[in-house]
Amino acid sequence: MKRALLVLAVAVLYVLHQDIWFWRTARPLVFGFVPVGLAYHAGFSVAAALVLWLLVTHAWPSHLEDEADRK
């Protein structure tokens, strides 16, 4: 179940990365000065970092660590 959720999270990030909806306008401004596309990418970067942290925490192949410890 955990693997399926991680795969789903990566797939959702892949789809959200294709942001064609904010290409033509800088409005509305987020916080009054940040263009919406820049704010979207900032949020996307935080979400991608969280998903990558989850992948490393829960899906890292432990046999690689065992081999590194033996050397």
PDB file of N, CA and C in Angstrom:
ATOM      1  N   MET A   1       0.828  -1.194   0.000  1.00  0.00           N
ATOM      2  CA  MET A   1       0.000   0.000   0.000  1.00  0.00           C
ATOM      3  C   MET A   1       0.874   1.261   0.000  1.00  0.00           C
ATOM      4  N   LYS A   2       1.942   1.221   0.794  1.00  0.00           N
ATOM      5  CA  LYS A   2       2.824   2.370   0.881  1.00  0.00           C
ATOM      6  C   LYS A   2       3.477   2.661  -0.465  1.00  0.00           C
ATOM      7  N   ARG A   3       3.882   1.607  -1.168  1.00  0.00           N
ATOM      8  CA  ARG A   3       4.521   1.786  -2.472  1.00  0.00           C
ATOM      9  C   ARG A   3       3.559   2.409  -3.474  1.00  0.00           C
ATOM     10  N   ALA A   4       2.308   1.983  -3.442  1.00  0.00           N
ATOM     11  CA  ALA A   4       1.314   2.526  -4.359  1.00  0.00           C
ATOM     12  C   ALA A   4       1.073   4.013  -4.090  1.00  0.00           C
ATOM     13  N   LEU A   5       1.046   4.409  -2.829  1.00  0.00           N
ATOM     14  CA  LEU A   5       0.862   5.821  -2.500  1.00  0.00           C
ATOM     15  C   LEU A   5       2.053   6.662  -2.940  1.00  0.00           C
ATOM     16  N   LEU A   6       3.259   6.122  -2.802  1.00  0.00           N
ATOM     17  CA  LEU A   6       4.442   6.853  -3.244  1.00  0.00           C
ATOM     18  C   LEU A   6       4.465   6.995  -4.767  1.00  0.00           C
ATOM     19  N   VAL A   7       4.087   5.947  -5.463  1.00  0.00           N
ATOM     20  CA  VAL A   7       4.009   6.019  -6.928  1.00  0.00           C
ATOM     21  C   VAL A   7       2.949   7.030  -7.339  1.00  0.00           C
ATOM     22  N   LEU A   8       1.824   7.032  -6.661  1.00  0.00           N
ATOM     23  CA  LEU A   8       0.762   7.992  -6.952  1.00  0.00           C
ATOM     24  C   LEU A   8       1.235   9.424  -6.692  1.00  0.00           C
ATOM     25  N   ALA A   9       1.974   9.645  -5.618  1.00  0.00           N
ATOM     26  CA  ALA A   9       2.486  10.986  -5.306  1.00  0.00           C
ATOM     27  C   ALA A   9       3.440  11.470  -6.393  1.00  0.00           C
ATOM     28  N   VAL A  10       4.303  10.597  -6.883  1.00  0.00           N
ATOM     29  CA  VAL A  10       5.223  10.974  -7.954  1.00  0.00           C
ATOM     30  C   VAL A  10       4.447  11.266  -9.232  1.00  0.00           C
ATOM     31  N   ALA A  11       3.439  10.474  -9.530  1.00  0.00           N
ATOM     32  CA  ALA A  11       2.625  10.707 -10.725  1.00  0.00           C
ATOM     33  C   ALA A  11       1.870  12.027 -10.633  1.00  0.00           C
ATOM     34  N   VAL A  12       1.346  12.343  -9.472  1.00  0.00           N
ATOM     35  CA  VAL A  12       0.642  13.616  -9.284  1.00  0.00           C
ATOM     36  C   VAL A  12       1.608  14.779  -9.461  1.00  0.00           C
ATOM     37  N   LEU A  13       2.805  14.673  -8.909  1.00  0.00           N
ATOM     38  CA  LEU A  13       3.795  15.734  -9.104  1.00  0.00           C
ATOM     39  C   LEU A  13       4.164  15.890 -10.562  1.00  0.00           C
ATOM     40  N   TYR A  14       4.261  14.793 -11.274  1.00  0.00           N
ATOM     41  CA  TYR A  14       4.567  14.859 -12.708  1.00  0.00           C
ATOM     42  C   TYR A  14       3.489  15.624 -13.463  1.00  0.00           C
ATOM     43  N   VAL A  15       2.246  15.327 -13.155  1.00  0.00           N
ATOM     44  CA  VAL A  15       1.139  16.007 -13.826  1.00  0.00           C
ATOM     45  C   VAL A  15       1.102  17.486 -13.436  1.00  0.00           C
ATOM     46  N   LEU A  16       1.294  17.784 -12.165  1.00  0.00           N
ATOM     47  CA  LEU A  16       1.253  19.177 -11.712  1.00  0.00           C
ATOM     48  C   LEU A  16       2.425  19.995 -12.244  1.00  0.00           C
ATOM     49  N   HIS A  17       3.512  19.351 -12.604  1.00  0.00           N
ATOM     50  CA  HIS A  17       4.662  20.080 -13.125  1.00  0.00           C
ATOM     51  C   HIS A  17       4.377  20.661 -14.504  1.00  0.00           C
ATOM     52  N   GLN A  18       3.440  20.099 -15.218  1.00  0.00           N
ATOM     53  CA  GLN A  18       3.081  20.583 -16.552  1.00  0.00           C
ATOM     54  C   GLN A  18       2.066  21.720 -16.414  1.00  0.00           C
ATOM     55  N   ASP A  19       2.490  22.819 -15.858  1.00  0.00           N
ATOM     56  CA  ASP A  19       1.561  23.919 -15.550  1.00  0.00           C
ATOM     57  C   ASP A  19       1.423  24.869 -16.737  1.00  0.00           C
ATOM     58  N   ILE A  20       0.457  24.621 -17.571  1.00  0.00           N
ATOM     59  CA  ILE A  20       0.232  25.489 -18.717  1.00  0.00           C
ATOM     60  C   ILE A  20      -0.791  26.578 -18.398  1.00  0.00           C
ATOM     61  N   TRP A  21      -1.399  26.560 -17.236  1.00  0.00           N
ATOM     62  CA  TRP A  21      -2.483  27.483 -16.930  1.00  0.00           C
ATOM     63  C   TRP A  21      -1.991  28.848 -16.459  1.00  0.00           C
ATOM     64  N   PHE A  22      -0.731  29.023 -16.087  1.00  0.00           N
ATOM     65  CA  PHE A  22      -0.246  30.328 -15.632  1.00  0.00           C
ATOM     66  C   PHE A  22       0.744  30.949 -16.611  1.00  0.00           C
ATOM     67  N   TRP A  23       0.761  30.525 -17.848  1.00  0.00           N
ATOM     68  CA  TRP A  23       1.755  31.011 -18.802  1.00  0.00           C
ATOM     69  C   TRP A  23       1.442  32.396 -19.337  1.00  0.00           C
ATOM     70  N   ARG A  24       0.211  32.743 -19.509  1.00  0.00           N
ATOM     71  CA  ARG A  24      -0.161  33.952 -20.239  1.00  0.00           C
ATOM     72  C   ARG A  24      -0.368  35.185 -19.360  1.00  0.00           C
ATOM     73  N   THR A  25      -0.396  35.035 -18.059  1.00  0.00           N
ATOM     74  CA  THR A  25      -0.673  36.180 -17.198  1.00  0.00           C
ATOM     75  C   THR A  25       0.149  36.112 -15.916  1.00  0.00           C
ATOM     76  N   ALA A  26       0.456  37.270 -15.390  1.00  0.00           N
ATOM     77  CA  ALA A  26       1.162  37.340 -14.109  1.00  0.00           C
ATOM     78  C   ALA A  26       0.186  37.640 -12.983  1.00  0.00           C
ATOM     79  N   ARG A  27      -1.037  37.880 -13.334  1.00  0.00           N
ATOM     80  CA  ARG A  27      -2.052  38.206 -12.331  1.00  0.00           C
ATOM     81  C   ARG A  27      -2.846  36.966 -11.986  1.00  0.00           C
ATOM     82  N   PRO A  28      -3.353  36.796 -10.828  1.00  0.00           N
ATOM     83  CA  PRO A  28      -3.303  37.682  -9.671  1.00  0.00           C
ATOM     84  C   PRO A  28      -1.949  37.598  -8.987  1.00  0.00           C
ATOM     85  N   LEU A  29      -1.640  38.597  -8.216  1.00  0.00           N
ATOM     86  CA  LEU A  29      -0.403  38.613  -7.455  1.00  0.00           C
ATOM     87  C   LEU A  29      -0.654  37.967  -6.091  1.00  0.00           C
ATOM     88  N   VAL A  30       0.231  37.085  -5.693  1.00  0.00           N
ATOM     89  CA  VAL A  30       0.139  36.431  -4.391  1.00  0.00           C
ATOM     90  C   VAL A  30       0.891  37.297  -3.393  1.00  0.00           C
ATOM     91  N   PHE A  31       0.310  37.548  -2.247  1.00  0.00           N
ATOM     92  CA  PHE A  31       0.868  38.439  -1.220  1.00  0.00           C
ATOM     93  C   PHE A  31       1.055  39.859  -1.751  1.00  0.00           C
ATOM     94  N   GLY A  32       0.401  40.188  -2.838  1.00  0.00           N
ATOM     95  CA  GLY A  32       0.448  41.528  -3.376  1.00  0.00           C
ATOM     96  C   GLY A  32       1.623  41.840  -4.280  1.00  0.00           C
ATOM     97  N   PHE A  33       2.610  40.943  -4.387  1.00  0.00           N
ATOM     98  CA  PHE A  33       3.775  41.261  -5.214  1.00  0.00           C
ATOM     99  C   PHE A  33       4.382  40.069  -5.937  1.00  0.00           C
ATOM    100  N   VAL A  34       4.016  38.846  -5.608  1.00  0.00           N
ATOM    101  CA  VAL A  34       4.587  37.660  -6.237  1.00  0.00           C
ATOM    102  C   VAL A  34       3.668  37.190  -7.364  1.00  0.00           C
ATOM    103  N   PRO A  35       4.163  37.118  -8.596  1.00  0.00           N
ATOM    104  CA  PRO A  35       3.321  36.604  -9.685  1.00  0.00           C
ATOM    105  C   PRO A  35       2.855  35.181  -9.383  1.00  0.00           C
ATOM    106  N   VAL A  36       1.656  34.868  -9.824  1.00  0.00           N
ATOM    107  CA  VAL A  36       1.036  33.592  -9.483  1.00  0.00           C
ATOM    108  C   VAL A  36       1.867  32.407  -9.978  1.00  0.00           C
ATOM    109  N   GLY A  37       2.506  32.519 -11.132  1.00  0.00           N
ATOM    110  CA  GLY A  37       3.332  31.420 -11.642  1.00  0.00           C
ATOM    111  C   GLY A  37       4.537  31.148 -10.759  1.00  0.00           C
ATOM    112  N   LEU A  38       5.161  32.210 -10.259  1.00  0.00           N
ATOM    113  CA  LEU A  38       6.309  32.050  -9.368  1.00  0.00           C
ATOM    114  C   LEU A  38       5.881  31.437  -8.036  1.00  0.00           C
ATOM    115  N   ALA A  39       4.750  31.874  -7.517  1.00  0.00           N
ATOM    116  CA  ALA A  39       4.230  31.299  -6.265  1.00  0.00           C
ATOM    117  C   ALA A  39       3.880  29.823  -6.458  1.00  0.00           C
ATOM    118  N   TYR A  40       3.317  29.492  -7.620  1.00  0.00           N
ATOM    119  CA  TYR A  40       2.990  28.099  -7.912  1.00  0.00           C
ATOM    120  C   TYR A  40       4.251  27.243  -7.908  1.00  0.00           C
ATOM    121  N   HIS A  41       5.304  27.721  -8.556  1.00  0.00           N
ATOM    122  CA  HIS A  41       6.529  26.939  -8.612  1.00  0.00           C
ATOM    123  C   HIS A  41       7.209  26.849  -7.250  1.00  0.00           C
ATOM    124  N   ALA A  42       7.082  27.857  -6.426  1.00  0.00           N
ATOM    125  CA  ALA A  42       7.613  27.776  -5.064  1.00  0.00           C
ATOM    126  C   ALA A  42       6.874  26.684  -4.280  1.00  0.00           C
ATOM    127  N   GLY A  43       5.566  26.670  -4.385  1.00  0.00           N
ATOM    128  CA  GLY A  43       4.779  25.620  -3.722  1.00  0.00           C
ATOM    129  C   GLY A  43       5.071  24.249  -4.287  1.00  0.00           C
ATOM    130  N   PHE A  44       5.227  24.173  -5.600  1.00  0.00           N
ATOM    131  CA  PHE A  44       5.559  22.901  -6.232  1.00  0.00           C
ATOM    132  C   PHE A  44       6.918  22.396  -5.759  1.00  0.00           C
ATOM    133  N   SER A  45       7.888  23.290  -5.611  1.00  0.00           N
ATOM    134  CA  SER A  45       9.219  22.892  -5.149  1.00  0.00           C
ATOM    135  C   SER A  45       9.170  22.339  -3.727  1.00  0.00           C
ATOM    136  N   VAL A  46       8.377  22.953  -2.873  1.00  0.00           N
ATOM    137  CA  VAL A  46       8.218  22.449  -1.506  1.00  0.00           C
ATOM    138  C   VAL A  46       7.551  21.076  -1.531  1.00  0.00           C
ATOM    139  N   ALA A  47       6.526  20.910  -2.349  1.00  0.00           N
ATOM    140  CA  ALA A  47       5.845  19.611  -2.450  1.00  0.00           C
ATOM    141  C   ALA A  47       6.787  18.538  -2.996  1.00  0.00           C
ATOM    142  N   ALA A  48       7.593  18.885  -3.995  1.00  0.00           N
ATOM    143  CA  ALA A  48       8.547  17.924  -4.552  1.00  0.00           C
ATOM    144  C   ALA A  48       9.587  17.532  -3.512  1.00  0.00           C
ATOM    145  N   ALA A  49      10.056  18.489  -2.724  1.00  0.00           N
ATOM    146  CA  ALA A  49      11.022  18.177  -1.672  1.00  0.00           C
ATOM    147  C   ALA A  49      10.414  17.236  -0.633  1.00  0.00           C
ATOM    148  N   LEU A  50       9.163  17.452  -0.280  1.00  0.00           N
ATOM    149  CA  LEU A  50       8.504  16.567   0.692  1.00  0.00           C
ATOM    150  C   LEU A  50       8.330  15.156   0.135  1.00  0.00           C
ATOM    151  N   VAL A  51       7.946  15.054  -1.131  1.00  0.00           N
ATOM    152  CA  VAL A  51       7.780  13.726  -1.742  1.00  0.00           C
ATOM    153  C   VAL A  51       9.133  13.018  -1.834  1.00  0.00           C
ATOM    154  N   LEU A  52      10.176  13.738  -2.207  1.00  0.00           N
ATOM    155  CA  LEU A  52      11.503  13.115  -2.270  1.00  0.00           C
ATOM    156  C   LEU A  52      11.967  12.669  -0.885  1.00  0.00           C
ATOM    157  N   TRP A  53      11.666  13.452   0.138  1.00  0.00           N
ATOM    158  CA  TRP A  53      12.002  13.048   1.507  1.00  0.00           C
ATOM    159  C   TRP A  53      11.249  11.755   1.874  1.00  0.00           C
ATOM    160  N   LEU A  54       9.970  11.680   1.496  1.00  0.00           N
ATOM    161  CA  LEU A  54       9.208  10.453   1.755  1.00  0.00           C
ATOM    162  C   LEU A  54       9.788   9.265   0.999  1.00  0.00           C
ATOM    163  N   LEU A  55      10.201   9.486  -0.244  1.00  0.00           N
ATOM    164  CA  LEU A  55      10.792   8.397  -1.022  1.00  0.00           C
ATOM    165  C   LEU A  55      12.083   7.900  -0.392  1.00  0.00           C
ATOM    166  N   VAL A  56      12.936   8.803   0.028  1.00  0.00           N
ATOM    167  CA  VAL A  56      14.200   8.390   0.650  1.00  0.00           C
ATOM    168  C   VAL A  56      13.943   7.710   1.987  1.00  0.00           C
ATOM    169  N   THR A  57      12.989   8.207   2.739  1.00  0.00           N
ATOM    170  CA  THR A  57      12.696   7.634   4.055  1.00  0.00           C
ATOM    171  C   THR A  57      12.065   6.250   3.964  1.00  0.00           C
ATOM    172  N   HIS A  58      11.148   6.072   3.012  1.00  0.00           N
ATOM    173  CA  HIS A  58      10.349   4.843   2.993  1.00  0.00           C
ATOM    174  C   HIS A  58      10.663   3.894   1.844  1.00  0.00           C
ATOM    175  N   ALA A  59      11.350   4.336   0.803  1.00  0.00           N
ATOM    176  CA  ALA A  59      11.554   3.467  -0.352  1.00  0.00           C
ATOM    177  C   ALA A  59      13.030   3.280  -0.695  1.00  0.00           C
ATOM    178  N   TRP A  60      13.919   3.757   0.148  1.00  0.00           N
ATOM    179  CA  TRP A  60      15.344   3.600  -0.123  1.00  0.00           C
ATOM    180  C   TRP A  60      15.718   2.130   0.006  1.00  0.00           C
ATOM    181  N   PRO A  61      16.435   1.566  -0.958  1.00  0.00           N
ATOM    182  CA  PRO A  61      16.802   0.147  -0.868  1.00  0.00           C
ATOM    183  C   PRO A  61      17.851  -0.070   0.228  1.00  0.00           C
ATOM    184  N   SER A  62      17.470  -0.782   1.257  1.00  0.00           N
ATOM    185  CA  SER A  62      18.356  -0.963   2.419  1.00  0.00           C
ATOM    186  C   SER A  62      19.583  -1.808   2.087  1.00  0.00           C
ATOM    187  N   HIS A  63      19.518  -2.645   1.060  1.00  0.00           N
ATOM    188  CA  HIS A  63      20.681  -3.469   0.730  1.00  0.00           C
ATOM    189  C   HIS A  63      21.860  -2.606   0.266  1.00  0.00           C
ATOM    190  N   LEU A  64      21.596  -1.433  -0.260  1.00  0.00           N
ATOM    191  CA  LEU A  64      22.691  -0.541  -0.637  1.00  0.00           C
ATOM    192  C   LEU A  64      23.431  -0.026   0.584  1.00  0.00           C
ATOM    193  N   GLU A  65      22.704   0.241   1.641  1.00  0.00           N
ATOM    194  CA  GLU A  65      23.328   0.692   2.877  1.00  0.00           C
ATOM    195  C   GLU A  65      24.144  -0.423   3.512  1.00  0.00           C
ATOM    196  N   ASP A  66      23.638  -1.657   3.443  1.00  0.00           N
ATOM    197  CA  ASP A  66      24.368  -2.787   4.001  1.00  0.00           C
ATOM    198  C   ASP A  66      25.697  -2.991   3.286  1.00  0.00           C
ATOM    199  N   GLU A  67      25.707  -2.861   1.963  1.00  0.00           N
ATOM    200  CA  GLU A  67      26.956  -2.996   1.206  1.00  0.00           C
ATOM    201  C   GLU A  67      27.926  -1.890   1.528  1.00  0.00           C
ATOM    202  N   ALA A  68      27.436  -0.690   1.729  1.00  0.00           N
ATOM    203  CA  ALA A  68      28.313   0.450   2.040  1.00  0.00           C
ATOM    204  C   ALA A  68      28.921   0.291   3.439  1.00  0.00           C
ATOM    205  N   ASP A  69      28.176  -0.268   4.369  1.00  0.00           N
ATOM    206  CA  ASP A  69      28.685  -0.466   5.721  1.00  0.00           C
ATOM    207  C   ASP A  69      29.761  -1.541   5.787  1.00  0.00           C
ATOM    208  N   ARG A  70      29.688  -2.522   4.892  1.00  0.00           N
ATOM    209  CA  ARG A  70      30.671  -3.603   4.893  1.00  0.00           C
ATOM    210  C   ARG A  70      32.026  -3.188   4.348  1.00  0.00           C
ATOM    211  N   LYS A  71      32.076  -2.105   3.575  1.00  0.00           N
ATOM    212  CA  LYS A  71      33.349  -1.683   2.951  1.00  0.00           C
ATOM    213  C   LYS A  71      34.200  -0.912   3.910  1.00  0.00           C
TER     214      LYS A  71
END
